[in-house]
Amino acid sequence: MKKLEEQIAHLTRTVEDLSEVVARQDQEITLLTNRVRMLMEREAEREAAGTGGIVLGDERPPHY
């Protein structure tokens, strides 16, 4: 009986620890989602304004 109580206590602590991890990950995902949304809005505004953006990969700048 004592062994079962110890296992339950251990499992309960593990569940609590994992719950904390999931809660932190949820906060981080929300923060990162908001940052990506903000960056996408900025880029859309930049494209709409016709100003230059970042050149990626093999793309040539518009002046070529």
Protein backbone atom coordinates (compact mmCIF):
# COMPACT_ATOMS: atom_id res chain seq x y z
CA MET A 1 0.00 0.00 0.00
CA LYS A 2 2.81 2.42 0.90
CA LYS A 3 4.51 1.75 -2.45
CA LEU A 4 1.32 2.67 -4.31
CA GLU A 5 1.02 5.89 -2.33
CA GLU A 6 4.61 6.78 -3.20
CA GLN A 7 3.97 6.08 -6.88
CA ILE A 8 0.81 8.18 -6.85
CA ALA A 9 2.67 11.04 -5.16
CA HIS A 10 5.47 10.79 -7.72
CA LEU A 11 3.01 10.70 -10.63
CA THR A 12 1.05 13.62 -9.19
CA ARG A 13 4.24 15.70 -8.98
CA THR A 14 5.18 14.72 -12.54
CA VAL A 15 1.77 15.79 -13.82
CA GLU A 16 2.08 19.12 -12.00
CA ASP A 17 5.56 19.69 -13.47
CA LEU A 18 4.35 18.87 -16.98
CA SER A 19 1.36 21.14 -16.53
CA GLU A 20 3.70 24.02 -15.67
CA VAL A 21 5.80 23.27 -18.76
CA VAL A 22 2.71 23.27 -20.98
CA ALA A 23 1.51 26.55 -19.46
CA ARG A 24 4.90 28.20 -20.13
CA GLN A 25 4.95 26.84 -23.68
CA ASP A 26 1.45 28.21 -24.26
CA GLN A 27 2.58 31.67 -23.15
CA GLU A 28 5.66 31.48 -25.38
CA ILE A 29 3.64 30.31 -28.38
CA THR A 30 1.20 33.17 -27.86
CA LEU A 31 4.06 35.67 -27.64
CA LEU A 32 5.76 34.29 -30.75
CA THR A 33 2.48 34.20 -32.69
CA ASN A 34 1.91 37.87 -31.86
CA ARG A 35 5.43 38.76 -32.96
CA VAL A 36 5.04 36.91 -36.26
CA ARG A 37 1.70 38.65 -36.85
CA MET A 38 3.32 42.02 -36.15
CA LEU A 39 6.21 41.29 -38.51
CA MET A 40 3.84 40.14 -41.26
CA GLU A 41 1.78 43.32 -40.85
CA ARG A 42 4.95 45.43 -41.04
CA GLU A 43 6.07 43.63 -44.17
CA ALA A 44 2.64 44.04 -45.77
CA GLU A 45 2.77 47.77 -44.99
CA ARG A 46 6.28 47.98 -46.43
CA GLU A 47 5.18 46.22 -49.61
CA ALA A 48 2.11 48.43 -49.90
CA ALA A 49 4.28 51.53 -49.48
CA GLY A 50 6.64 50.26 -52.19
CA THR A 51 9.74 50.57 -50.03
CA GLY A 52 12.48 48.00 -50.25
CA GLY A 53 12.50 44.83 -48.25
CA ILE A 54 15.11 42.32 -47.32
CA VAL A 55 16.74 40.44 -50.19
CA LEU A 56 16.58 36.71 -49.55
CA GLY A 57 18.59 33.95 -51.16
CA ASP A 58 19.30 34.36 -54.88
CA GLU A 59 16.90 37.25 -55.39
CA ARG A 60 18.42 40.28 -57.06
CA PRO A 61 17.71 43.73 -55.71
CA PRO A 62 15.19 45.71 -57.81
CA HIS A 63 17.85 48.07 -59.23
CA TYR A 64 19.46 45.24 -61.30
